[in-house]
């Protein structure tokens, strides 16, 4: 009888530990908690098929919110600069996940109303970032900032094509997910 009770207690403890671990992992995931409201100027708005809005039906981010997501850095050559450039920012998939974005495509919209279509599959197959730093410095609007969707062009030959260059968007200010 004592053995059965002891095994039940051990089993219950294991179940409780598994539940606590799952709750902690969910809380740490970008989409696992409500999206904070921006406290500074809004630099990115995500709309469309999202589940974590923080301003009406939209998810808005200030620079601090983007800085708080895990940061990634890579150096790559682009058609827009004569030398390789180092870009830093969160992965686009983490930004979309923070807004609870689901769908098959998104439209990236720039400050000058340039639009480009990006399949959501791209953000899972490639480490695309929303660059907020270029060569370790914030990017002013006149230097393609403050945000720039950048693919790691030098990581795969397939990314060094017009198709992917056209999916890069500087002066990014909105994403529309469908």
Protein backbone atom coordinates (compact mmCIF):
# COMPACT_ATOMS: atom_id res chain seq x y z
CA UNK A 1 0.00 0.00 0.00
CA UNK A 2 2.81 2.43 0.89
CA UNK A 3 4.54 1.62 -2.40
CA UNK A 4 1.39 2.47 -4.39
CA UNK A 5 0.94 5.76 -2.52
CA UNK A 6 4.62 6.64 -2.98
CA UNK A 7 4.42 5.94 -6.73
CA UNK A 8 1.26 8.09 -6.99
CA UNK A 9 3.03 10.97 -5.22
CA UNK A 10 6.05 10.61 -7.52
CA UNK A 11 3.73 10.49 -10.55
CA UNK A 12 1.82 13.56 -9.36
CA UNK A 13 5.08 15.44 -8.78
CA UNK A 14 6.29 14.55 -12.28
CA UNK A 15 2.99 15.74 -13.75
CA UNK A 16 3.17 18.98 -11.76
CA UNK A 17 6.76 19.56 -12.88
CA UNK A 18 5.76 18.98 -16.52
CA UNK A 19 2.86 21.43 -16.22
CA UNK A 20 5.08 24.06 -14.56
CA UNK A 21 7.77 23.62 -17.22
CA UNK A 22 5.22 23.99 -20.02
CA UNK A 23 3.78 27.13 -18.38
CA UNK A 24 7.26 28.65 -18.05
CA UNK A 25 8.13 27.90 -21.67
CA UNK A 26 4.84 29.37 -22.84
CA UNK A 27 5.42 32.50 -20.78
CA UNK A 28 8.90 32.92 -22.29
CA UNK A 29 7.79 32.47 -25.89
CA UNK A 30 7.19 35.68 -27.86
CA UNK A 31 3.52 34.85 -28.49
CA UNK A 32 2.99 33.38 -25.02
CA UNK A 33 1.93 36.62 -23.36
CA UNK A 34 0.01 39.75 -24.15
CA UNK A 35 1.95 42.25 -26.19
CA UNK A 36 2.89 45.34 -24.19
CA UNK A 37 1.81 48.74 -25.43
CA UNK A 38 4.58 50.90 -26.87
CA UNK A 39 5.85 53.62 -24.52
CA UNK A 40 7.87 55.43 -27.20
CA UNK A 41 7.20 56.41 -30.80
CA UNK A 42 5.67 53.58 -32.85
CA UNK A 43 8.14 52.34 -35.48
CA UNK A 44 6.29 49.22 -36.69
CA UNK A 45 2.61 48.32 -36.98
CA UNK A 46 1.43 44.79 -37.74
CA UNK A 47 -2.15 44.22 -38.84
CA UNK A 48 -4.27 41.55 -40.43
CA UNK A 49 -4.34 38.00 -39.16
CA UNK A 50 -2.86 38.53 -35.68
CA UNK A 51 -3.93 37.30 -32.25
CA UNK A 52 -1.88 39.62 -29.97
CA UNK A 53 -3.02 43.17 -30.76
CA UNK A 54 -2.09 45.96 -28.36
CA UNK A 55 -3.81 48.90 -30.07
CA UNK A 56 -7.30 48.08 -31.36
CA UNK A 57 -6.86 45.36 -33.98
CA UNK A 58 -3.18 46.20 -34.56
CA UNK A 59 0.10 45.25 -32.92
CA UNK A 60 2.34 48.26 -32.55
CA UNK A 61 6.02 48.25 -31.60
CA UNK A 62 8.36 50.95 -30.44
CA UNK A 63 12.13 50.51 -30.76
CA UNK A 64 12.47 49.35 -27.14
CA UNK A 65 10.01 46.50 -27.76
CA UNK A 66 12.02 45.36 -30.79
CA UNK A 67 15.26 45.62 -28.78
CA UNK A 68 13.80 43.32 -26.12
CA UNK A 69 13.31 40.47 -28.59
CA UNK A 70 16.33 38.17 -29.08
CA UNK A 71 18.82 39.96 -31.34
CA UNK A 72 20.67 38.45 -34.29
CA UNK A 73 23.60 39.85 -36.22
CA UNK A 74 25.04 38.92 -39.60
CA UNK A 75 27.27 40.53 -42.17
CA UNK A 76 26.22 40.32 -45.79
CA UNK A 77 26.78 41.95 -49.14
CA UNK A 78 23.78 43.70 -50.71
CA UNK A 79 23.15 45.43 -54.01
CA UNK A 80 22.70 48.75 -52.16
CA UNK A 81 26.14 49.12 -50.57
CA UNK A 82 29.62 48.71 -52.10
CA UNK A 83 30.94 46.66 -49.15
CA UNK A 84 29.52 44.01 -46.85
CA UNK A 85 27.35 45.47 -44.09
CA UNK A 86 26.63 44.17 -40.59
CA UNK A 87 22.95 44.20 -39.63
CA UNK A 88 21.46 43.60 -36.17
CA UNK A 89 17.86 43.11 -35.10
CA UNK A 90 15.25 40.55 -34.14
CA UNK A 91 14.33 37.73 -36.48
CA UNK A 92 11.28 38.64 -38.52
CA UNK A 93 9.67 35.36 -37.39
CA UNK A 94 10.03 36.48 -33.74
CA UNK A 95 8.41 39.84 -34.49
CA UNK A 96 5.51 38.13 -36.30
CA UNK A 97 5.18 35.60 -33.45
CA UNK A 98 5.07 38.40 -30.85
CA UNK A 99 2.01 39.75 -32.68
CA UNK A 100 0.52 36.24 -32.99
CA UNK A 101 0.70 36.47 -36.78
CA UNK A 102 -0.59 33.53 -38.83
CA UNK A 103 -1.14 33.22 -42.55
CA UNK A 104 0.64 32.50 -45.79
CA UNK A 105 1.86 35.93 -46.90
CA UNK A 106 2.58 39.37 -45.62
CA UNK A 107 2.96 42.71 -47.27
CA UNK A 108 5.83 44.83 -46.02
CA UNK A 109 5.11 48.56 -46.35
CA UNK A 110 7.78 51.26 -46.25
CA UNK A 111 7.51 54.90 -45.20
CA UNK A 112 7.43 55.92 -48.90
CA UNK A 113 4.56 53.42 -49.49
CA UNK A 114 6.82 50.89 -51.27
CA UNK A 115 5.22 47.46 -50.86
CA UNK A 116 6.62 43.99 -51.27
CA UNK A 117 5.04 40.57 -50.76
CA UNK A 118 6.86 38.10 -48.53
CA UNK A 119 5.71 34.49 -48.15
CA UNK A 120 5.57 33.62 -44.45
CA UNK A 121 7.45 30.46 -45.36
CA UNK A 122 10.52 32.68 -45.98
CA UNK A 123 10.71 33.72 -42.34
CA UNK A 124 10.84 30.09 -41.24
CA UNK A 125 13.30 28.90 -43.91
CA UNK A 126 15.71 31.84 -43.66
CA UNK A 127 16.99 33.93 -40.75
CA UNK A 128 15.45 37.15 -42.06
CA UNK A 129 15.84 40.02 -39.61
CA UNK A 130 14.17 43.34 -38.97
CA UNK A 131 17.43 45.25 -38.82
CA UNK A 132 17.48 48.19 -36.42
CA UNK A 133 21.26 48.65 -36.50
CA UNK A 134 23.62 48.87 -39.43
CA UNK A 135 27.31 48.50 -38.58
CA UNK A 136 26.31 48.76 -34.89
CA UNK A 137 24.56 52.12 -35.33
CA UNK A 138 20.86 53.03 -35.53
CA UNK A 139 19.76 53.78 -39.08
CA UNK A 140 18.24 57.21 -39.77
CA UNK A 141 15.52 57.42 -42.43
CA UNK A 142 17.99 58.85 -44.97
CA UNK A 143 20.11 55.68 -44.52
CA UNK A 144 17.26 53.21 -45.08
CA UNK A 145 16.08 53.20 -41.46
CA UNK A 146 14.86 53.07 -38.91
CA UNK A 147 13.94 49.46 -39.81
CA UNK A 148 15.11 47.34 -42.73
CA UNK A 149 13.99 43.78 -43.59
CA UNK A 150 17.22 42.03 -44.58
CA UNK A 151 17.83 38.48 -45.74
CA UNK A 152 21.19 36.85 -44.99
CA UNK A 153 22.05 37.07 -48.69
CA UNK A 154 25.56 35.64 -48.33
CA UNK A 155 24.37 32.53 -46.46
CA UNK A 156 22.80 30.81 -49.50
CA UNK A 157 23.27 31.29 -53.24
CA UNK A 158 19.49 31.16 -53.78
CA UNK A 159 19.12 34.37 -51.74
CA UNK A 160 21.42 36.35 -54.04
CA UNK A 161 18.71 36.91 -56.65
CA UNK A 162 16.33 39.68 -57.64
CA UNK A 163 13.46 37.71 -56.09
CA UNK A 164 14.92 38.02 -52.58
CA UNK A 165 16.47 41.45 -53.09
CA UNK A 166 12.98 42.69 -53.97
CA UNK A 167 11.59 41.22 -50.73
CA UNK A 168 13.97 43.34 -48.66
CA UNK A 169 12.25 46.51 -47.49
CA UNK A 170 14.01 49.51 -46.01
CA UNK A 171 12.24 52.26 -44.10
CA UNK A 172 9.81 49.53 -43.01
CA UNK A 173 6.84 50.77 -40.99
CA UNK A 174 4.05 48.19 -41.44
CA UNK A 175 3.38 44.51 -42.04
CA UNK A 176 0.01 43.23 -43.23
CA UNK A 177 -0.45 39.50 -42.63
CA UNK A 178 -2.90 37.37 -44.60
